[in-house]
Amino acid sequence: MAVLLNLLGRGKRGRRAGERGQAMVEFMLVLPIALIVLLALIQFGVVYTHYLNLTDAVRVAGRALSTCRFGGSAVGSGNGAAGSLTITWDNGNSGVAPPGANCATPAGTLLTVRGRVFNENLNVFGLFPTFKTITLSSQVTVTEE
């Protein structure tokens, strides 16, 4: 076996004479790219979690708005479900805030609630300068009960 390895030009460790350190150089070339991809995936997961929280808060606000004659506030309920997000609320059309408790709309009326989170930073955990800010938006239309 040793004779066969020597015929192939390999030493005792199975490497050619000029290949020492090649794996380390390849690893160092690939490592920064792999880390950036990994951190970008994690950042996408954080932004997606914020979007899911926003969607849930808008759903809760829509439910509170559809039953507002029974008490409660759509904005208050939505903010309570939003966690740490700062949500800007409107009615989906004119930028007017949705009504609070004891709304005066008749049963069967379609009501719209939209929540938006502005300036969601995509900056890969602050390791790099912010390269993009996005606005997350979610909207729900409910029927007054």
C-alpha atoms as a PDB file:
ATOM      1  CA  MET A   1       0.000   0.000   0.000  1.00  0.00           C
ATOM      2  CA  ALA A   2       2.809   2.407   0.880  1.00  0.00           C
ATOM      3  CA  VAL A   3       4.384   1.720  -2.496  1.00  0.00           C
ATOM      4  CA  LEU A   4       1.130   2.622  -4.242  1.00  0.00           C
ATOM      5  CA  LEU A   5       0.850   5.899  -2.329  1.00  0.00           C
ATOM      6  CA  ASN A   6       4.442   6.774  -3.172  1.00  0.00           C
ATOM      7  CA  LEU A   7       3.746   6.081  -6.842  1.00  0.00           C
ATOM      8  CA  LEU A   8       0.824   8.518  -6.731  1.00  0.00           C
ATOM      9  CA  GLY A   9       3.132  11.186  -5.325  1.00  0.00           C
ATOM     10  CA  ARG A  10       1.617  11.263  -1.854  1.00  0.00           C
ATOM     11  CA  GLY A  11       3.514  11.144   1.414  1.00  0.00           C
ATOM     12  CA  LYS A  12       2.695   9.252   4.583  1.00  0.00           C
ATOM     13  CA  ARG A  13      -0.266  11.509   5.403  1.00  0.00           C
ATOM     14  CA  GLY A  14      -1.869  11.192   1.981  1.00  0.00           C
ATOM     15  CA  ARG A  15      -1.154  14.742   0.798  1.00  0.00           C
ATOM     16  CA  ARG A  16       0.991  15.992  -1.988  1.00  0.00           C
ATOM     17  CA  ALA A  17       3.898  18.146  -0.989  1.00  0.00           C
ATOM     18  CA  GLY A  18       2.337  21.454  -2.173  1.00  0.00           C
ATOM     19  CA  GLU A  19      -1.117  20.914  -0.629  1.00  0.00           C
ATOM     20  CA  ARG A  20      -0.378  21.740   2.989  1.00  0.00           C
ATOM     21  CA  GLY A  21      -2.658  24.515   4.239  1.00  0.00           C
ATOM     22  CA  GLN A  22      -4.987  24.353   1.241  1.00  0.00           C
ATOM     23  CA  ALA A  23      -7.994  23.332   3.324  1.00  0.00           C
ATOM     24  CA  MET A  24      -7.380  26.213   5.737  1.00  0.00           C
ATOM     25  CA  VAL A  25      -7.243  28.744   2.895  1.00  0.00           C
ATOM     26  CA  GLU A  26     -10.458  27.367   1.355  1.00  0.00           C
ATOM     27  CA  PHE A  27     -12.175  27.468   4.734  1.00  0.00           C
ATOM     28  CA  MET A  28     -11.143  31.085   5.311  1.00  0.00           C
ATOM     29  CA  LEU A  29     -12.472  32.052   1.869  1.00  0.00           C
ATOM     30  CA  VAL A  30     -15.854  30.400   2.441  1.00  0.00           C
ATOM     31  CA  LEU A  31     -16.351  31.329   6.132  1.00  0.00           C
ATOM     32  CA  PRO A  32     -17.305  35.037   5.714  1.00  0.00           C
ATOM     33  CA  ILE A  33     -19.843  34.245   3.002  1.00  0.00           C
ATOM     34  CA  ALA A  34     -21.346  31.411   5.041  1.00  0.00           C
ATOM     35  CA  LEU A  35     -21.620  33.642   8.131  1.00  0.00           C
ATOM     36  CA  ILE A  36     -23.316  36.434   6.183  1.00  0.00           C
ATOM     37  CA  VAL A  37     -25.837  33.969   4.742  1.00  0.00           C
ATOM     38  CA  LEU A  38     -26.475  32.496   8.206  1.00  0.00           C
ATOM     39  CA  LEU A  39     -26.966  35.913   9.826  1.00  0.00           C
ATOM     40  CA  ALA A  40     -29.216  37.042   6.967  1.00  0.00           C
ATOM     41  CA  LEU A  41     -31.408  33.970   7.499  1.00  0.00           C
ATOM     42  CA  ILE A  42     -31.635  34.716  11.213  1.00  0.00           C
ATOM     43  CA  GLN A  43     -32.513  38.371  10.488  1.00  0.00           C
ATOM     44  CA  PHE A  44     -35.219  37.247   8.060  1.00  0.00           C
ATOM     45  CA  GLY A  45     -36.624  35.058  10.837  1.00  0.00           C
ATOM     46  CA  VAL A  46     -36.751  38.054  13.198  1.00  0.00           C
ATOM     47  CA  VAL A  47     -38.549  40.212  10.615  1.00  0.00           C
ATOM     48  CA  TYR A  48     -40.965  37.379   9.820  1.00  0.00           C
ATOM     49  CA  THR A  49     -41.728  36.972  13.528  1.00  0.00           C
ATOM     50  CA  HIS A  50     -42.502  40.706  13.716  1.00  0.00           C
ATOM     51  CA  TYR A  51     -44.819  40.327  10.730  1.00  0.00           C
ATOM     52  CA  LEU A  52     -46.632  37.421  12.400  1.00  0.00           C
ATOM     53  CA  ASN A  53     -47.022  39.490  15.596  1.00  0.00           C
ATOM     54  CA  LEU A  54     -48.391  42.391  13.552  1.00  0.00           C
ATOM     55  CA  THR A  55     -50.856  40.127  11.746  1.00  0.00           C
ATOM     56  CA  ASP A  56     -52.070  38.694  15.037  1.00  0.00           C
ATOM     57  CA  ALA A  57     -52.436  42.172  16.566  1.00  0.00           C
ATOM     58  CA  VAL A  58     -54.472  43.348  13.560  1.00  0.00           C
ATOM     59  CA  ARG A  59     -56.684  40.268  13.831  1.00  0.00           C
ATOM     60  CA  VAL A  60     -57.263  40.962  17.532  1.00  0.00           C
ATOM     61  CA  ALA A  61     -58.024  44.629  16.754  1.00  0.00           C
ATOM     62  CA  GLY A  62     -60.447  43.589  14.011  1.00  0.00           C
ATOM     63  CA  ARG A  63     -62.228  41.245  16.373  1.00  0.00           C
ATOM     64  CA  ALA A  64     -62.465  43.974  19.022  1.00  0.00           C
ATOM     65  CA  LEU A  65     -63.747  46.418  16.397  1.00  0.00           C
ATOM     66  CA  SER A  66     -66.427  44.027  15.154  1.00  0.00           C
ATOM     67  CA  THR A  67     -67.736  43.624  18.698  1.00  0.00           C
ATOM     68  CA  CYS A  68     -67.050  47.183  19.876  1.00  0.00           C
ATOM     69  CA  ARG A  69     -70.624  47.826  20.971  1.00  0.00           C
ATOM     70  CA  PHE A  70     -69.940  45.331  23.764  1.00  0.00           C
ATOM     71  CA  GLY A  71     -67.033  47.413  25.072  1.00  0.00           C
ATOM     72  CA  GLY A  72     -63.332  47.442  24.407  1.00  0.00           C
ATOM     73  CA  SER A  73     -61.140  49.354  22.014  1.00  0.00           C
ATOM     74  CA  ALA A  74     -59.729  48.029  18.751  1.00  0.00           C
ATOM     75  CA  VAL A  75     -56.496  49.988  19.116  1.00  0.00           C
ATOM     76  CA  GLY A  76     -56.089  49.086  22.773  1.00  0.00           C
ATOM     77  CA  SER A  77     -56.690  45.407  22.090  1.00  0.00           C
ATOM     78  CA  GLY A  78     -54.323  45.446  19.120  1.00  0.00           C
ATOM     79  CA  ASN A  79     -51.581  47.178  21.064  1.00  0.00           C
ATOM     80  CA  GLY A  80     -52.021  44.668  23.861  1.00  0.00           C
ATOM     81  CA  ALA A  81     -51.419  41.807  21.431  1.00  0.00           C
ATOM     82  CA  ALA A  82     -48.546  43.510  19.607  1.00  0.00           C
ATOM     83  CA  GLY A  83     -45.832  42.761  22.125  1.00  0.00           C
ATOM     84  CA  SER A  84     -42.925  45.149  21.666  1.00  0.00           C
ATOM     85  CA  LEU A  85     -44.001  46.420  18.226  1.00  0.00           C
ATOM     86  CA  THR A  86     -45.022  50.052  17.779  1.00  0.00           C
ATOM     87  CA  ILE A  87     -48.000  49.900  15.446  1.00  0.00           C
ATOM     88  CA  THR A  88     -49.590  52.799  13.577  1.00  0.00           C
ATOM     89  CA  TRP A  89     -53.323  52.152  13.219  1.00  0.00           C
ATOM     90  CA  ASP A  90     -55.766  53.413  10.594  1.00  0.00           C
ATOM     91  CA  ASN A  91     -58.968  52.335   8.891  1.00  0.00           C
ATOM     92  CA  GLY A  92     -57.261  51.205   5.692  1.00  0.00           C
ATOM     93  CA  ASN A  93     -58.545  54.043   3.496  1.00  0.00           C
ATOM     94  CA  SER A  94     -58.160  57.602   4.683  1.00  0.00           C
ATOM     95  CA  GLY A  95     -55.641  57.222   7.474  1.00  0.00           C
ATOM     96  CA  VAL A  96     -58.283  57.852  10.141  1.00  0.00           C
ATOM     97  CA  ALA A  97     -57.867  55.817  13.302  1.00  0.00           C
ATOM     98  CA  PRO A  98     -60.433  53.048  13.764  1.00  0.00           C
ATOM     99  CA  PRO A  99     -63.199  53.860  16.246  1.00  0.00           C
ATOM    100  CA  GLY A 100     -62.751  53.074  19.913  1.00  0.00           C
ATOM    101  CA  ALA A 101     -65.312  51.665  22.307  1.00  0.00           C
ATOM    102  CA  ASN A 102     -69.054  52.144  21.804  1.00  0.00           C
ATOM    103  CA  CYS A 103     -68.862  52.694  18.052  1.00  0.00           C
ATOM    104  CA  ALA A 104     -72.070  53.800  16.382  1.00  0.00           C
ATOM    105  CA  THR A 105     -71.995  51.687  13.212  1.00  0.00           C
ATOM    106  CA  PRO A 106     -75.006  49.494  12.493  1.00  0.00           C
ATOM    107  CA  ALA A 107     -74.742  45.696  12.475  1.00  0.00           C
ATOM    108  CA  GLY A 108     -73.583  44.263   9.141  1.00  0.00           C
ATOM    109  CA  THR A 109     -71.263  47.183   8.323  1.00  0.00           C
ATOM    110  CA  LEU A 110     -67.870  46.242   6.861  1.00  0.00           C
ATOM    111  CA  LEU A 111     -65.070  47.677   8.981  1.00  0.00           C
ATOM    112  CA  THR A 112     -61.383  47.752   8.059  1.00  0.00           C
ATOM    113  CA  VAL A 113     -58.416  47.914  10.391  1.00  0.00           C
ATOM    114  CA  ARG A 114     -54.853  48.294   9.156  1.00  0.00           C
ATOM    115  CA  GLY A 115     -51.732  48.198  11.260  1.00  0.00           C
ATOM    116  CA  ARG A 116     -48.307  49.220  10.019  1.00  0.00           C
ATOM    117  CA  VAL A 117     -44.823  49.016  11.492  1.00  0.00           C
ATOM    118  CA  PHE A 118     -42.482  51.556   9.920  1.00  0.00           C
ATOM    119  CA  ASN A 119     -38.718  51.361   9.510  1.00  0.00           C
ATOM    120  CA  GLU A 120     -38.171  47.697  10.233  1.00  0.00           C
ATOM    121  CA  ASN A 121     -34.389  47.597   9.865  1.00  0.00           C
ATOM    122  CA  LEU A 122     -32.621  44.913   7.929  1.00  0.00           C
ATOM    123  CA  ASN A 123     -29.118  45.234   9.306  1.00  0.00           C
ATOM    124  CA  VAL A 124     -27.998  41.693  10.178  1.00  0.00           C
ATOM    125  CA  PHE A 125     -27.868  42.288  13.949  1.00  0.00           C
ATOM    126  CA  GLY A 126     -26.051  45.575  13.650  1.00  0.00           C
ATOM    127  CA  LEU A 127     -22.891  44.030  12.261  1.00  0.00           C
ATOM    128  CA  PHE A 128     -23.167  46.116   9.120  1.00  0.00           C
ATOM    129  CA  PRO A 129     -24.723  49.510   8.371  1.00  0.00           C
ATOM    130  CA  THR A 130     -28.476  49.395   7.772  1.00  0.00           C
ATOM    131  CA  PHE A 131     -28.901  48.666   4.105  1.00  0.00           C
ATOM    132  CA  LYS A 132     -32.679  48.586   3.908  1.00  0.00           C
ATOM    133  CA  THR A 133     -35.707  49.600   5.957  1.00  0.00           C
ATOM    134  CA  ILE A 134     -39.109  48.180   5.193  1.00  0.00           C
ATOM    135  CA  THR A 135     -42.668  48.822   6.309  1.00  0.00           C
ATOM    136  CA  LEU A 136     -44.672  45.837   7.502  1.00  0.00           C
ATOM    137  CA  SER A 137     -48.402  46.158   6.900  1.00  0.00           C
ATOM    138  CA  SER A 138     -51.395  43.974   7.641  1.00  0.00           C
ATOM    139  CA  GLN A 139     -55.087  44.656   7.062  1.00  0.00           C
ATOM    140  CA  VAL A 140     -58.300  42.917   8.019  1.00  0.00           C
ATOM    141  CA  THR A 141     -61.932  43.629   7.105  1.00  0.00           C
ATOM    142  CA  VAL A 142     -64.605  42.451   9.521  1.00  0.00           C
ATOM    143  CA  THR A 143     -68.395  42.677   9.718  1.00  0.00           C
ATOM    144  CA  GLU A 144     -69.963  44.601  12.597  1.00  0.00           C
ATOM    145  CA  GLU A 145     -71.870  42.221  14.857  1.00  0.00           C
END
